[in-house]
Amino acid sequence: MARGRARRGADYGEFWPGFVDVLSTLLLVVTFLMSIFMLAQHFASQEASGKETAMQRLNRQIAELTNILSLERTKTKSTEDQLAQLQGSLSTLQTENTKLSGFALSGDERAAADAASISSLTSDLDKSKEVSNEAMAKVDLLNQQLLALRRQVAALNEALDASDTKNQDSQTQIKDLGTRLNAALARQVQELKRYRSDFFGRLRELLADRKDIRIVGDRFIFQSEVLFSSGQAVMTSEGLEALNQVAQAIVEISRDIPEEINWALQVDGHTDIRPISSSSFPSNWHLSTERAISVVQYLNQQGVPAKRLVAAGYGEFAPLDPGTSEDALRKNRRIELKLTNR
C-alpha cells in the first residue's frame, strides 16, 4: 500500500515539470502574438494618419487648381471679348474703306478738295482762336470782378466783426448803465419812502385835531368843503389856514431831500357824480382841475418849488365811495396830496 502511494507520487513529480514548461511556452506565444497585434495596430494607425494628411493635402491642391481654373476662364472670357471688339472695329474700318473707295476722285480734284478743306479748316481755326481769345478775356474779367467781390466781402466781414464787437461793448455798457440806473432808482425810492414817512409824520402832528382831513394809504385827503365853497375853485380862509400848515411841512422836508431825488407833490382834484355846467366850469373835469391848480399855486407862493408840484383833475371818475348817498357824495368831493417820484 505504501509502495503504491510512493509510486503515484513519483508519477506526479514527473508530470508537473512538463506541464509548467507547456504553460510557459503558451504564455510566451500569447505575449508574442499580443506584441505582433500591437505593432500591427500601430502601423495601421500610422498608415491611416498618413492617408488623412495626404487627403487634406490633395483637397488643398484641388482648391488651388479650382481657383486657377476660374482665373483662366475669366482671362479667356476677357480675351474673347477683346477679340470680338477687334473684329467689330475691323468690320467698321472695312465698311468705311469701301465707302471712301466709291467716292475716289482724280488727283486734281482731290487736290482742290484738299485745298478747300484746308481753307475751311483754317477759317474755322481762326474763328475758334477769336472765340477762345474773347472767352479768355471774359474769364480774366470775371476773375478780376470775382477778386474785387471777395475783397469787398472780406472788408464787409471785417466791418461786421468790428460792428459786432462794438455792439457787444455797447450792450455791456447799456446793461451796466441799466443795472446802475435801477440801483439808483431803487435807492431813490427807498430814500423817498423815508422822507414820505417823515412828511406824513409831521402832517399828522400838525393836523391831529382836524377830523375833516384824513390819511388814506399814502395820500392826505382834504374834503373840498374845507378848502372851497360849493361849485367854486377859489379857496376859503379856512382852507388857506389848513394849507399853510401843509406848505410849512413840505418846505421843511424839501430842504432835507437831496437834489438828485426827483420827487414831486401831486395834487389831485375830485368831484362827486352830480354834473356841473357853467360859464366858468363846463364839466366836472374843469372844476376838479381848477381846484387842483389853485392848491398848487398857493403852495408855490408859500415856498414849495414849482418844479416839485403837479396838478391833475379826475372829475367824478375816481370815487372813494360808489354810493349815491349824501355822505358818499361828500367823501368823493376831495383834494388829495401825494408825495411821489416823478
Protein backbone atom coordinates (compact mmCIF):
# COMPACT_ATOMS: atom_id res chain seq x y z
CA MET A 1 0.00 0.00 0.00
CA ALA A 2 2.76 2.28 0.96
CA ARG A 3 4.56 1.38 -2.16
CA GLY A 4 1.61 2.24 -4.30
CA ARG A 5 1.31 5.76 -2.83
CA ALA A 6 5.00 6.33 -3.37
CA ARG A 7 4.66 5.34 -6.98
CA ARG A 8 1.77 7.68 -7.60
CA GLY A 9 3.81 10.50 -6.01
CA ALA A 10 6.63 9.77 -8.29
CA ASP A 11 4.31 9.89 -11.27
CA TYR A 12 3.03 13.35 -10.25
CA GLY A 13 6.55 14.58 -9.79
CA GLU A 14 7.42 13.52 -13.25
CA PHE A 15 4.34 15.08 -14.81
CA TRP A 16 4.48 18.59 -13.21
CA PRO A 17 7.68 19.97 -14.75
CA GLY A 18 6.40 19.17 -18.23
CA PHE A 19 3.11 20.90 -17.54
CA VAL A 20 4.90 24.02 -16.35
CA ASP A 21 7.03 24.07 -19.47
CA VAL A 22 3.90 23.88 -21.65
CA LEU A 23 2.26 26.78 -19.80
CA SER A 24 5.42 28.87 -20.06
CA THR A 25 5.58 28.22 -23.76
CA LEU A 26 1.90 29.16 -24.22
CA LEU A 27 2.43 32.40 -22.26
CA LEU A 28 5.36 33.35 -24.41
CA VAL A 29 3.35 32.61 -27.55
CA VAL A 30 0.44 34.75 -26.33
CA THR A 31 2.81 37.61 -25.41
CA PHE A 32 4.44 37.37 -28.80
CA LEU A 33 1.07 37.42 -30.55
CA MET A 34 -0.06 40.45 -28.50
CA SER A 35 3.13 42.28 -29.39
CA ILE A 36 2.60 41.49 -33.07
CA PHE A 37 -1.02 42.69 -32.79
CA MET A 38 0.02 45.96 -31.11
CA LEU A 39 2.66 46.57 -33.74
CA ALA A 40 0.11 45.86 -36.45
CA GLN A 41 -2.28 48.35 -34.81
CA HIS A 42 0.46 50.97 -34.58
CA PHE A 43 1.40 50.61 -38.22
CA ALA A 44 -2.26 50.63 -39.24
CA SER A 45 -2.80 53.87 -37.24
CA GLN A 46 0.26 55.46 -38.79
CA GLU A 47 -0.93 54.49 -42.22
CA ALA A 48 -4.43 55.86 -41.57
CA SER A 49 -2.95 59.15 -40.26
CA GLY A 50 -0.75 59.44 -43.30
CA LYS A 51 -3.69 58.84 -45.57
CA GLU A 52 -5.70 61.60 -43.83
CA THR A 53 -2.80 64.05 -44.16
CA ALA A 54 -2.39 63.14 -47.81
CA MET A 55 -6.16 63.61 -48.32
CA GLN A 56 -6.03 67.11 -46.78
CA ARG A 57 -3.08 67.99 -48.99
CA LEU A 58 -4.95 66.77 -52.05
CA ASN A 59 -8.03 68.80 -51.10
CA ARG A 60 -5.90 71.94 -50.80
CA GLN A 61 -4.34 71.26 -54.18
CA ILE A 62 -7.78 70.72 -55.72
CA ALA A 63 -8.98 74.07 -54.26
CA GLU A 64 -5.92 75.85 -55.65
CA LEU A 65 -6.44 74.27 -59.07
CA THR A 66 -10.10 75.32 -58.98
CA ASN A 67 -9.10 78.94 -58.31
CA ILE A 68 -6.52 78.85 -61.08
CA LEU A 69 -9.08 77.41 -63.49
CA SER A 70 -11.55 80.16 -62.60
CA LEU A 71 -8.95 82.85 -63.25
CA GLU A 72 -8.06 81.23 -66.57
CA ARG A 73 -11.71 81.17 -67.58
CA THR A 74 -12.02 84.84 -66.71
CA LYS A 75 -8.94 85.67 -68.78
CA THR A 76 -10.31 83.59 -71.65
CA LYS A 77 -13.62 85.46 -71.50
CA SER A 78 -11.84 88.81 -71.49
CA THR A 79 -9.70 87.71 -74.43
CA GLU A 80 -12.79 86.61 -76.34
CA ASP A 81 -14.47 89.96 -75.66
CA GLN A 82 -11.41 91.84 -76.88
CA LEU A 83 -11.28 89.68 -79.99
CA ALA A 84 -14.95 90.41 -80.69
CA GLN A 85 -14.30 94.13 -80.31
CA LEU A 86 -11.33 93.95 -82.66
CA GLN A 87 -13.38 92.10 -85.22
CA GLY A 88 -16.13 94.69 -84.98
CA SER A 89 -13.64 97.51 -85.39
CA LEU A 90 -12.09 95.74 -88.40
CA SER A 91 -15.51 95.36 -90.00
CA THR A 92 -16.27 99.04 -89.44
CA LEU A 93 -12.96 100.06 -90.99
CA GLN A 94 -13.59 97.85 -93.99
CA THR A 95 -17.02 99.41 -94.50
CA GLU A 96 -15.62 102.93 -94.31
CA ASN A 97 -12.83 101.98 -96.68
CA THR A 98 -15.39 100.69 -99.20
CA LYS A 99 -17.32 103.94 -98.98
CA LEU A 100 -14.22 106.01 -99.47
CA SER A 101 -13.20 103.87 -102.44
CA GLY A 102 -16.55 104.53 -104.10
CA PHE A 103 -16.03 108.27 -103.83
CA ALA A 104 -12.44 108.37 -105.00
CA LEU A 105 -11.54 111.49 -107.01
CA SER A 106 -8.82 112.30 -109.53
CA GLY A 107 -5.55 113.87 -108.46
CA ASP A 108 -6.56 117.49 -109.39
CA GLU A 109 -9.99 117.16 -107.93
CA ARG A 110 -8.53 115.64 -104.79
CA ALA A 111 -6.01 118.48 -104.54
CA ALA A 112 -8.74 121.09 -104.99
CA ALA A 113 -10.89 119.39 -102.41
CA ASP A 114 -7.93 119.21 -100.05
CA ALA A 115 -7.21 122.93 -100.56
CA ALA A 116 -10.84 123.81 -99.90
CA SER A 117 -10.83 121.65 -96.81
CA ILE A 118 -7.62 123.26 -95.60
CA SER A 119 -9.03 126.74 -96.23
CA SER A 120 -12.22 125.86 -94.40
CA LEU A 121 -10.31 124.34 -91.56
CA THR A 122 -8.02 127.39 -91.38
CA SER A 123 -11.03 129.70 -91.29
CA ASP A 124 -12.68 127.62 -88.60
CA LEU A 125 -9.42 127.58 -86.66
CA ASP A 126 -9.12 131.38 -86.87
CA LYS A 127 -12.69 131.76 -85.72
CA SER A 128 -12.06 129.32 -82.89
CA LYS A 129 -8.98 131.32 -81.87
CA GLU A 130 -11.02 134.55 -81.88
CA VAL A 131 -13.74 132.93 -79.80
CA SER A 132 -11.10 131.48 -77.50
CA ASN A 133 -9.43 134.87 -77.08
CA GLU A 134 -12.76 136.51 -76.33
CA ALA A 135 -13.59 133.77 -73.87
CA MET A 136 -10.22 134.17 -72.18
CA ALA A 137 -10.73 137.92 -71.96
CA LYS A 138 -14.16 137.37 -70.39
CA VAL A 139 -12.69 134.83 -68.00
CA ASP A 140 -9.96 137.31 -66.99
CA LEU A 141 -12.60 140.00 -66.47
CA LEU A 142 -14.75 137.67 -64.41
CA ASN A 143 -11.74 136.67 -62.35
CA GLN A 144 -10.98 140.32 -61.66
CA GLN A 145 -14.59 141.01 -60.72
CA LEU A 146 -14.64 137.93 -58.52
CA LEU A 147 -11.42 139.06 -56.81
CA ALA A 148 -12.92 142.52 -56.24
CA LEU A 149 -16.08 140.97 -54.81
CA ARG A 150 -14.04 138.80 -52.50
CA ARG A 151 -12.18 141.84 -51.28
CA GLN A 152 -15.47 143.64 -50.68
CA VAL A 153 -16.83 140.64 -48.81
CA ALA A 154 -13.69 140.49 -46.69
CA ALA A 155 -13.99 144.21 -45.94
CA LEU A 156 -17.66 143.80 -45.06
CA ASN A 157 -16.84 140.87 -42.79
CA GLU A 158 -14.21 142.94 -41.03
CA ALA A 159 -16.66 145.81 -40.65
CA LEU A 160 -19.33 143.41 -39.43
CA ASP A 161 -16.96 141.88 -36.90
CA ALA A 162 -15.99 145.34 -35.70
CA SER A 163 -19.67 146.30 -35.51
CA ASP A 164 -20.48 143.14 -33.56
CA THR A 165 -17.64 143.86 -31.15
CA LYS A 166 -18.81 147.44 -30.76
CA ASN A 167 -22.39 146.30 -30.36
CA GLN A 168 -21.37 143.82 -27.67
CA ASP A 169 -19.45 146.55 -25.88
CA SER A 170 -22.46 148.86 -26.19
CA GLN A 171 -24.79 146.17 -24.91
CA THR A 172 -22.47 145.57 -21.98
CA GLN A 173 -22.37 149.29 -21.24
CA ILE A 174 -26.14 149.59 -21.60
CA LYS A 175 -26.64 146.63 -19.29
CA ASP A 176 -24.23 148.13 -16.80
CA LEU A 177 -25.93 151.50 -17.03
CA GLY A 178 -29.33 149.85 -16.66
CA THR A 179 -28.14 148.00 -13.58
CA ARG A 180 -26.73 151.16 -12.08
CA LEU A 181 -29.84 153.12 -13.01
CA ASN A 182 -32.10 150.52 -11.44
CA ALA A 183 -29.96 150.54 -8.33
CA ALA A 184 -30.09 154.33 -8.24
CA LEU A 185 -33.85 154.35 -8.73
CA ALA A 186 -34.31 151.75 -6.03
CA ARG A 187 -32.12 153.80 -3.73
CA GLN A 188 -34.10 156.93 -4.51
CA VAL A 189 -37.37 155.12 -3.93
CA GLN A 190 -36.14 153.91 -0.54
CA GLU A 191 -34.95 157.39 0.40
CA LEU A 192 -38.19 158.91 -0.81
CA LYS A 193 -40.14 156.45 1.31
CA ARG A 194 -38.19 157.64 4.32
CA TYR A 195 -38.89 161.30 3.56
CA ARG A 196 -42.52 160.49 2.83
CA SER A 197 -42.74 158.85 6.24
CA ASP A 198 -41.24 161.97 7.79
CA PHE A 199 -43.65 164.13 5.80
CA PHE A 200 -46.67 162.11 6.88
CA GLY A 201 -45.43 162.11 10.48
CA ARG A 202 -45.17 165.89 10.60
CA LEU A 203 -48.52 166.39 8.91
CA ARG A 204 -50.14 164.02 11.37
CA GLU A 205 -48.76 166.15 14.20
CA LEU A 206 -49.87 169.41 12.58
CA LEU A 207 -53.32 168.18 11.57
CA ALA A 208 -54.04 165.87 14.50
CA ASP A 209 -57.09 167.89 15.57
CA ARG A 210 -58.61 168.16 12.08
CA LYS A 211 -61.28 165.48 11.62
CA ASP A 212 -62.03 166.66 8.10
CA ILE A 213 -58.50 165.77 6.90
CA ARG A 214 -57.85 162.03 6.55
CA ILE A 215 -54.94 159.79 5.62
CA VAL A 216 -55.77 157.01 3.17
CA GLY A 217 -52.78 154.87 2.20
CA ASP A 218 -50.03 157.20 1.00
CA ARG A 219 -52.33 160.20 0.49
CA PHE A 220 -53.63 163.13 2.58
CA ILE A 221 -57.26 163.83 1.77
CA PHE A 222 -58.92 167.23 2.26
CA GLN A 223 -62.67 167.40 1.85
CA SER A 224 -63.50 170.01 -0.77
CA GLU A 225 -65.75 171.89 1.72
CA VAL A 226 -62.66 172.56 3.86
CA LEU A 227 -60.89 174.38 1.01
CA PHE A 228 -63.62 175.60 -1.34
CA SER A 229 -67.19 176.80 -1.42
CA SER A 230 -69.67 174.70 -3.40
CA GLY A 231 -69.06 174.92 -7.14
CA GLN A 232 -66.06 177.27 -6.69
CA ALA A 233 -62.30 176.98 -7.24
CA VAL A 234 -61.23 179.88 -5.00
CA MET A 235 -60.00 178.74 -1.59
CA THR A 236 -61.68 179.86 1.62
CA SER A 237 -59.81 181.38 4.60
CA GLU A 238 -60.22 178.09 6.47
CA GLY A 239 -58.69 176.27 3.55
CA LEU A 240 -55.79 178.71 3.38
CA GLU A 241 -55.07 178.13 7.06
CA ALA A 242 -55.03 174.36 6.60
CA LEU A 243 -52.77 174.64 3.57
CA ASN A 244 -50.38 176.94 5.45
CA GLN A 245 -49.54 174.07 7.80
CA VAL A 246 -49.12 171.67 4.89
CA ALA A 247 -46.92 174.13 2.98
CA GLN A 248 -44.73 174.66 6.06
CA ALA A 249 -44.19 170.91 6.44
CA ILE A 250 -43.43 170.47 2.74
CA VAL A 251 -40.92 173.33 2.70
CA GLU A 252 -39.09 171.90 5.73
CA ILE A 253 -38.91 168.41 4.23
CA SER A 254 -37.86 169.66 0.76
CA ARG A 255 -34.77 171.19 2.36
CA ASP A 256 -33.68 167.77 3.61
CA ILE A 257 -34.41 165.80 0.43
CA PRO A 258 -31.26 165.53 -1.75
CA GLU A 259 -31.43 167.30 -5.09
CA GLU A 260 -30.80 164.07 -7.05
CA ILE A 261 -34.06 162.56 -5.77
CA ASN A 262 -36.63 163.51 -8.35
CA TRP A 263 -39.66 163.92 -6.07
CA ALA A 264 -42.95 165.74 -6.57
CA LEU A 265 -46.04 166.66 -4.60
CA GLN A 266 -49.03 165.62 -6.69
CA VAL A 267 -52.32 167.44 -6.09
CA ASP A 268 -55.43 165.66 -7.42
CA GLY A 269 -58.88 167.24 -7.66
CA HIS A 270 -62.07 165.10 -7.48
CA THR A 271 -65.82 165.86 -7.65
CA ASP A 272 -68.98 163.87 -7.00
CA ILE A 273 -71.19 162.43 -9.75
CA ARG A 274 -73.54 165.38 -9.92
CA PRO A 275 -72.82 167.23 -13.16
CA ILE A 276 -71.90 170.90 -13.27
CA SER A 277 -72.27 173.17 -16.25
CA SER A 278 -71.49 176.87 -16.05
CA SER A 279 -69.63 179.50 -17.96
CA SER A 280 -66.62 179.04 -15.64
CA PHE A 281 -66.71 175.22 -15.45
CA PRO A 282 -68.27 173.42 -18.43
CA SER A 283 -67.71 170.00 -16.74
CA ASN A 284 -66.58 168.34 -13.51
CA TRP A 285 -63.18 167.87 -15.13
CA HIS A 286 -62.76 171.63 -15.39
CA LEU A 287 -63.85 172.17 -11.76
CA SER A 288 -61.59 169.43 -10.32
CA THR A 289 -58.62 170.62 -12.38
CA GLU A 290 -59.05 174.29 -11.43
CA ARG A 291 -59.24 173.38 -7.75
CA ALA A 292 -56.02 171.35 -8.01
CA ILE A 293 -54.33 174.26 -9.79
CA SER A 294 -55.46 176.69 -7.06
CA VAL A 295 -53.86 174.47 -4.37
CA VAL A 296 -50.64 174.13 -6.40
CA GLN A 297 -50.36 177.88 -6.96
CA TYR A 298 -50.86 178.66 -3.27
CA LEU A 299 -48.27 176.09 -2.18
CA ASN A 300 -45.82 177.61 -4.64
CA GLN A 301 -46.47 181.03 -3.13
CA GLN A 302 -45.63 179.61 0.28
CA GLY A 303 -42.20 178.44 -0.88
CA VAL A 304 -42.74 174.99 -2.37
CA PRO A 305 -40.64 174.80 -5.61
CA ALA A 306 -42.82 174.92 -8.71
CA LYS A 307 -40.89 172.06 -10.35
CA ARG A 308 -41.95 169.82 -7.45
CA LEU A 309 -45.68 170.46 -7.88
CA VAL A 310 -48.12 168.57 -10.13
CA ALA A 311 -51.84 169.33 -10.62
CA ALA A 312 -54.38 166.85 -12.02
CA GLY A 313 -58.17 166.76 -12.31
CA TYR A 314 -60.13 163.48 -12.25
CA GLY A 315 -63.67 164.84 -12.22
CA GLU A 316 -66.15 162.24 -10.94
CA PHE A 317 -64.30 159.25 -12.40
CA ALA A 318 -62.24 158.12 -9.34
CA PRO A 319 -64.73 157.95 -6.45
CA LEU A 320 -63.80 156.68 -2.98
CA ASP A 321 -67.38 155.57 -2.34
CA PRO A 322 -69.50 154.24 -5.24
CA GLY A 323 -72.74 155.05 -3.38
CA THR A 324 -75.16 157.90 -4.11
CA SER A 325 -75.97 158.98 -0.57
CA GLU A 326 -75.10 162.45 0.62
CA ASP A 327 -72.31 161.07 2.80
CA ALA A 328 -70.84 159.15 -0.19
CA LEU A 329 -71.03 162.25 -2.39
CA ARG A 330 -69.29 164.33 0.30
CA LYS A 331 -66.42 161.79 0.57
CA ASN A 332 -65.90 161.88 -3.17
CA ARG A 333 -65.59 165.70 -3.29
CA ARG A 334 -61.97 166.00 -2.22
CA ILE A 335 -58.40 167.20 -2.79
CA GLU A 336 -55.64 164.63 -2.41
CA LEU A 337 -51.94 165.30 -1.71
CA LYS A 338 -49.38 162.63 -2.51
CA LEU A 339 -45.59 162.75 -2.18
CA THR A 340 -44.20 160.69 -5.06
CA ASN A 341 -41.34 160.42 -7.55
CA ARG A 342 -41.65 161.98 -10.98
